[in-house]
Amino acid sequence: MIGRLKGIIAATGEGQALIDVSGVGYLVHAGSRTLGKLSIGEAAELFVETQMSESAIRLFAFVSGEERAWFARLQDAPGVGARIALAILDTLTLPQLMDAIAL
């Protein structure tokens, strides 16, 4: 499993970024908050959650390991998949999310 990528941001688009790691381009899915922190041509370190299915391998990228861990935890809730977990993390900061869960 891929857990971290460190390289140069080659491109960004709607919900995704391409990070060049030693000549290999990895397409990662990310929320707008994460994408807003990335600049094309700049070095970046992304924490990655790898999800495999019969039809694809998908990489979800985050700027912190803590955010990646919450992405995985959120998907343990019934009815919450990768898309919804990413939307939650894109809407709430980690402190806001922890406060909401504590209620």
N, C-alpha and C. Protein backbone atom coordinates (compact mmCIF):
# COMPACT_ATOMS: atom_id res chain seq x y z
N MET A 1 0.84 -1.19 0.00
CA MET A 1 0.00 0.00 0.00
C MET A 1 0.88 1.24 0.00
N ILE A 2 0.42 2.25 -0.66
CA ILE A 2 1.13 3.53 -0.68
C ILE A 2 0.59 4.37 0.47
N GLY A 3 1.47 4.86 1.33
CA GLY A 3 1.06 5.64 2.50
C GLY A 3 1.51 7.08 2.46
N ARG A 4 2.54 7.38 1.64
CA ARG A 4 3.04 8.74 1.57
C ARG A 4 3.72 8.93 0.22
N LEU A 5 3.54 10.12 -0.35
CA LEU A 5 4.22 10.48 -1.59
C LEU A 5 4.92 11.81 -1.38
N LYS A 6 6.17 11.88 -1.82
CA LYS A 6 6.94 13.12 -1.71
C LYS A 6 7.51 13.41 -3.08
N GLY A 7 7.13 14.55 -3.65
CA GLY A 7 7.58 14.88 -4.99
C GLY A 7 7.18 16.28 -5.40
N ILE A 8 7.07 16.48 -6.69
CA ILE A 8 6.72 17.79 -7.27
C ILE A 8 5.31 17.72 -7.84
N ILE A 9 4.51 18.72 -7.53
CA ILE A 9 3.15 18.77 -8.08
C ILE A 9 3.24 19.14 -9.56
N ALA A 10 2.80 18.23 -10.42
CA ALA A 10 2.86 18.44 -11.86
C ALA A 10 1.60 19.10 -12.40
N ALA A 11 0.45 18.81 -11.79
CA ALA A 11 -0.82 19.37 -12.26
C ALA A 11 -1.87 19.21 -11.17
N THR A 12 -2.87 20.07 -11.23
CA THR A 12 -4.04 19.92 -10.37
C THR A 12 -5.28 20.10 -11.22
N GLY A 13 -6.36 19.49 -10.79
CA GLY A 13 -7.62 19.60 -11.51
C GLY A 13 -8.76 19.45 -10.53
N GLU A 14 -9.94 19.29 -11.05
CA GLU A 14 -11.13 19.15 -10.22
C GLU A 14 -11.05 17.88 -9.39
N GLY A 15 -10.75 18.03 -8.11
CA GLY A 15 -10.73 16.89 -7.21
C GLY A 15 -9.52 15.99 -7.31
N GLN A 16 -8.48 16.42 -8.01
CA GLN A 16 -7.32 15.56 -8.14
C GLN A 16 -6.05 16.36 -8.40
N ALA A 17 -4.93 15.70 -8.17
CA ALA A 17 -3.62 16.28 -8.44
C ALA A 17 -2.71 15.19 -8.98
N LEU A 18 -1.71 15.61 -9.73
CA LEU A 18 -0.71 14.70 -10.25
C LEU A 18 0.61 15.07 -9.59
N ILE A 19 1.19 14.12 -8.85
CA ILE A 19 2.45 14.37 -8.17
C ILE A 19 3.53 13.49 -8.80
N ASP A 20 4.62 14.13 -9.23
CA ASP A 20 5.74 13.44 -9.85
C ASP A 20 6.73 13.02 -8.77
N VAL A 21 6.91 11.72 -8.63
CA VAL A 21 7.85 11.17 -7.65
C VAL A 21 8.93 10.41 -8.43
N SER A 22 10.08 11.02 -8.56
CA SER A 22 11.22 10.40 -9.27
C SER A 22 10.83 9.94 -10.68
N GLY A 23 10.08 10.77 -11.39
CA GLY A 23 9.72 10.46 -12.76
C GLY A 23 8.45 9.66 -12.94
N VAL A 24 7.82 9.24 -11.85
CA VAL A 24 6.56 8.51 -11.93
C VAL A 24 5.45 9.43 -11.45
N GLY A 25 4.42 9.60 -12.28
CA GLY A 25 3.30 10.47 -11.92
C GLY A 25 2.19 9.69 -11.24
N TYR A 26 1.84 10.10 -10.04
CA TYR A 26 0.75 9.48 -9.30
C TYR A 26 -0.45 10.42 -9.30
N LEU A 27 -1.58 9.92 -9.77
CA LEU A 27 -2.82 10.69 -9.75
C LEU A 27 -3.51 10.42 -8.43
N VAL A 28 -3.72 11.48 -7.65
CA VAL A 28 -4.35 11.33 -6.34
C VAL A 28 -5.64 12.14 -6.30
N HIS A 29 -6.62 11.62 -5.58
CA HIS A 29 -7.87 12.34 -5.34
C HIS A 29 -7.70 13.14 -4.06
N ALA A 30 -8.23 14.36 -4.06
CA ALA A 30 -8.09 15.22 -2.88
C ALA A 30 -9.23 16.22 -2.84
N GLY A 31 -9.51 16.69 -1.64
CA GLY A 31 -10.52 17.72 -1.45
C GLY A 31 -9.97 19.08 -1.84
N SER A 32 -10.85 20.05 -1.99
CA SER A 32 -10.43 21.39 -2.42
C SER A 32 -9.53 22.06 -1.39
N ARG A 33 -9.72 21.74 -0.12
CA ARG A 33 -8.85 22.32 0.92
C ARG A 33 -7.41 21.85 0.73
N THR A 34 -7.22 20.58 0.48
CA THR A 34 -5.87 20.04 0.21
C THR A 34 -5.33 20.60 -1.09
N LEU A 35 -6.14 20.59 -2.13
CA LEU A 35 -5.68 21.09 -3.43
C LEU A 35 -5.27 22.56 -3.36
N GLY A 36 -5.96 23.33 -2.53
CA GLY A 36 -5.64 24.74 -2.37
C GLY A 36 -4.27 24.98 -1.75
N LYS A 37 -3.73 23.97 -1.10
CA LYS A 37 -2.40 24.10 -0.47
C LYS A 37 -1.28 23.63 -1.39
N LEU A 38 -1.64 23.14 -2.58
CA LEU A 38 -0.64 22.64 -3.52
C LEU A 38 -0.41 23.64 -4.64
N SER A 39 0.84 23.79 -5.03
CA SER A 39 1.19 24.69 -6.14
C SER A 39 1.96 23.91 -7.19
N ILE A 40 1.57 24.07 -8.43
CA ILE A 40 2.23 23.38 -9.54
C ILE A 40 3.70 23.79 -9.57
N GLY A 41 4.56 22.79 -9.71
CA GLY A 41 6.00 23.03 -9.75
C GLY A 41 6.67 23.06 -8.40
N GLU A 42 5.89 23.00 -7.33
CA GLU A 42 6.44 23.05 -5.97
C GLU A 42 6.51 21.65 -5.35
N ALA A 43 7.44 21.48 -4.44
CA ALA A 43 7.58 20.21 -3.72
C ALA A 43 6.42 20.05 -2.75
N ALA A 44 6.00 18.81 -2.56
CA ALA A 44 4.91 18.52 -1.62
C ALA A 44 5.10 17.13 -1.03
N GLU A 45 4.62 16.98 0.18
CA GLU A 45 4.56 15.67 0.83
C GLU A 45 3.10 15.41 1.14
N LEU A 46 2.57 14.33 0.60
CA LEU A 46 1.16 14.00 0.78
C LEU A 46 1.03 12.66 1.49
N PHE A 47 0.11 12.60 2.43
CA PHE A 47 -0.19 11.36 3.13
C PHE A 47 -1.34 10.71 2.38
N VAL A 48 -1.18 9.44 2.06
CA VAL A 48 -2.07 8.78 1.11
C VAL A 48 -2.80 7.61 1.74
N GLU A 49 -4.07 7.52 1.44
CA GLU A 49 -4.89 6.35 1.77
C GLU A 49 -5.13 5.61 0.46
N THR A 50 -4.69 4.37 0.38
CA THR A 50 -4.83 3.57 -0.83
C THR A 50 -6.08 2.70 -0.71
N GLN A 51 -6.93 2.76 -1.73
CA GLN A 51 -8.12 1.90 -1.75
C GLN A 51 -8.11 1.08 -3.03
N MET A 52 -8.25 -0.23 -2.86
CA MET A 52 -8.23 -1.12 -4.01
C MET A 52 -9.59 -1.80 -4.17
N SER A 53 -10.01 -1.90 -5.43
CA SER A 53 -11.22 -2.64 -5.75
C SER A 53 -10.90 -3.54 -6.94
N GLU A 54 -11.88 -4.29 -7.39
CA GLU A 54 -11.66 -5.16 -8.54
C GLU A 54 -11.32 -4.37 -9.79
N SER A 55 -11.83 -3.15 -9.89
CA SER A 55 -11.66 -2.39 -11.12
C SER A 55 -10.63 -1.27 -11.05
N ALA A 56 -10.16 -0.90 -9.86
CA ALA A 56 -9.24 0.25 -9.79
C ALA A 56 -8.47 0.29 -8.48
N ILE A 57 -7.37 1.01 -8.52
CA ILE A 57 -6.63 1.39 -7.32
C ILE A 57 -6.75 2.90 -7.23
N ARG A 58 -7.27 3.39 -6.11
CA ARG A 58 -7.47 4.83 -5.95
C ARG A 58 -6.63 5.33 -4.79
N LEU A 59 -6.00 6.47 -5.01
CA LEU A 59 -5.18 7.10 -3.98
C LEU A 59 -5.85 8.39 -3.55
N PHE A 60 -6.05 8.54 -2.24
CA PHE A 60 -6.63 9.75 -1.67
C PHE A 60 -5.54 10.46 -0.88
N ALA A 61 -5.32 11.74 -1.16
CA ALA A 61 -4.20 12.46 -0.58
C ALA A 61 -4.64 13.51 0.43
N PHE A 62 -3.81 13.66 1.46
CA PHE A 62 -4.07 14.62 2.54
C PHE A 62 -2.76 15.28 2.94
N VAL A 63 -2.85 16.46 3.53
CA VAL A 63 -1.63 17.19 3.92
C VAL A 63 -1.11 16.73 5.28
N SER A 64 -1.88 15.94 6.02
CA SER A 64 -1.40 15.44 7.31
C SER A 64 -1.82 13.99 7.51
N GLY A 65 -1.03 13.30 8.30
CA GLY A 65 -1.37 11.92 8.63
C GLY A 65 -2.63 11.83 9.47
N GLU A 66 -2.87 12.85 10.29
CA GLU A 66 -4.07 12.87 11.13
C GLU A 66 -5.32 12.97 10.27
N GLU A 67 -5.26 13.80 9.22
CA GLU A 67 -6.41 13.94 8.32
C GLU A 67 -6.65 12.61 7.59
N ARG A 68 -5.59 11.95 7.16
CA ARG A 68 -5.72 10.65 6.50
C ARG A 68 -6.37 9.64 7.44
N ALA A 69 -5.97 9.64 8.71
CA ALA A 69 -6.54 8.71 9.68
C ALA A 69 -8.03 8.96 9.88
N TRP A 70 -8.44 10.22 9.93
CA TRP A 70 -9.86 10.54 10.07
C TRP A 70 -10.64 10.12 8.83
N PHE A 71 -10.04 10.22 7.66
CA PHE A 71 -10.68 9.77 6.42
C PHE A 71 -11.03 8.28 6.55
N ALA A 72 -10.09 7.49 7.04
CA ALA A 72 -10.34 6.05 7.22
C ALA A 72 -11.39 5.80 8.30
N ARG A 73 -11.32 6.53 9.41
CA ARG A 73 -12.29 6.35 10.51
C ARG A 73 -13.71 6.69 10.07
N LEU A 74 -13.86 7.76 9.32
CA LEU A 74 -15.19 8.18 8.88
C LEU A 74 -15.87 7.09 8.05
N GLN A 75 -15.09 6.35 7.28
CA GLN A 75 -15.66 5.32 6.42
C GLN A 75 -16.11 4.08 7.20
N ASP A 76 -15.77 4.02 8.47
CA ASP A 76 -16.28 2.93 9.31
C ASP A 76 -17.75 3.14 9.67
N ALA A 77 -18.24 4.37 9.52
CA ALA A 77 -19.65 4.67 9.81
C ALA A 77 -20.52 4.13 8.68
N PRO A 78 -21.67 3.56 9.02
CA PRO A 78 -22.57 3.03 7.98
C PRO A 78 -22.96 4.12 6.98
N GLY A 79 -22.88 3.79 5.71
CA GLY A 79 -23.30 4.70 4.65
C GLY A 79 -22.28 5.75 4.26
N VAL A 80 -21.12 5.75 4.91
CA VAL A 80 -20.09 6.74 4.58
C VAL A 80 -18.99 6.06 3.77
N GLY A 81 -18.90 6.46 2.51
CA GLY A 81 -17.85 5.95 1.64
C GLY A 81 -16.78 7.01 1.46
N ALA A 82 -15.89 6.75 0.53
CA ALA A 82 -14.76 7.66 0.29
C ALA A 82 -15.23 9.06 -0.11
N ARG A 83 -16.20 9.14 -0.98
CA ARG A 83 -16.67 10.44 -1.47
C ARG A 83 -17.26 11.29 -0.34
N ILE A 84 -18.08 10.68 0.50
CA ILE A 84 -18.70 11.42 1.61
C ILE A 84 -17.65 11.78 2.66
N ALA A 85 -16.74 10.85 2.96
CA ALA A 85 -15.69 11.14 3.94
C ALA A 85 -14.82 12.30 3.47
N LEU A 86 -14.49 12.33 2.18
CA LEU A 86 -13.70 13.43 1.63
C LEU A 86 -14.46 14.74 1.71
N ALA A 87 -15.77 14.70 1.44
CA ALA A 87 -16.60 15.92 1.53
C ALA A 87 -16.68 16.43 2.97
N ILE A 88 -16.78 15.53 3.93
CA ILE A 88 -16.82 15.94 5.34
C ILE A 88 -15.52 16.64 5.72
N LEU A 89 -14.39 16.04 5.34
CA LEU A 89 -13.09 16.62 5.67
C LEU A 89 -12.84 17.92 4.92
N ASP A 90 -13.50 18.09 3.80
CA ASP A 90 -13.36 19.32 3.02
C ASP A 90 -14.21 20.44 3.61
N THR A 91 -15.24 20.06 4.36
CA THR A 91 -16.16 21.04 4.94
C THR A 91 -15.75 21.45 6.35
N LEU A 92 -15.34 20.48 7.15
CA LEU A 92 -15.00 20.74 8.56
C LEU A 92 -13.50 20.65 8.79
N THR A 93 -12.98 21.49 9.66
CA THR A 93 -11.60 21.33 10.11
C THR A 93 -11.58 20.14 11.08
N LEU A 94 -10.41 19.62 11.36
CA LEU A 94 -10.34 18.49 12.30
C LEU A 94 -10.88 18.84 13.67
N PRO A 95 -10.56 20.02 14.24
CA PRO A 95 -11.17 20.37 15.54
C PRO A 95 -12.70 20.44 15.47
N GLN A 96 -13.25 20.98 14.38
CA GLN A 96 -14.71 21.04 14.22
C GLN A 96 -15.30 19.64 14.14
N LEU A 97 -14.64 18.75 13.42
CA LEU A 97 -15.11 17.38 13.29
C LEU A 97 -15.10 16.67 14.64
N MET A 98 -14.03 16.84 15.40
CA MET A 98 -13.95 16.21 16.72
C MET A 98 -15.01 16.76 17.67
N ASP A 99 -15.28 18.07 17.59
CA ASP A 99 -16.34 18.66 18.40
C ASP A 99 -17.71 18.09 18.02
N ALA A 100 -17.95 17.94 16.72
CA ALA A 100 -19.24 17.42 16.25
C ALA A 100 -19.44 15.98 16.71
N ILE A 101 -18.40 15.19 16.69
CA ILE A 101 -18.51 13.79 17.11
C ILE A 101 -18.70 13.70 18.62
N ALA A 102 -18.11 14.62 19.36
CA ALA A 102 -18.20 14.60 20.82
C ALA A 102 -19.59 14.96 21.32
N LEU A 103 -20.40 15.63 20.49
CA LEU A 103 -21.74 16.04 20.93
C LEU A 103 -22.67 14.89 21.12
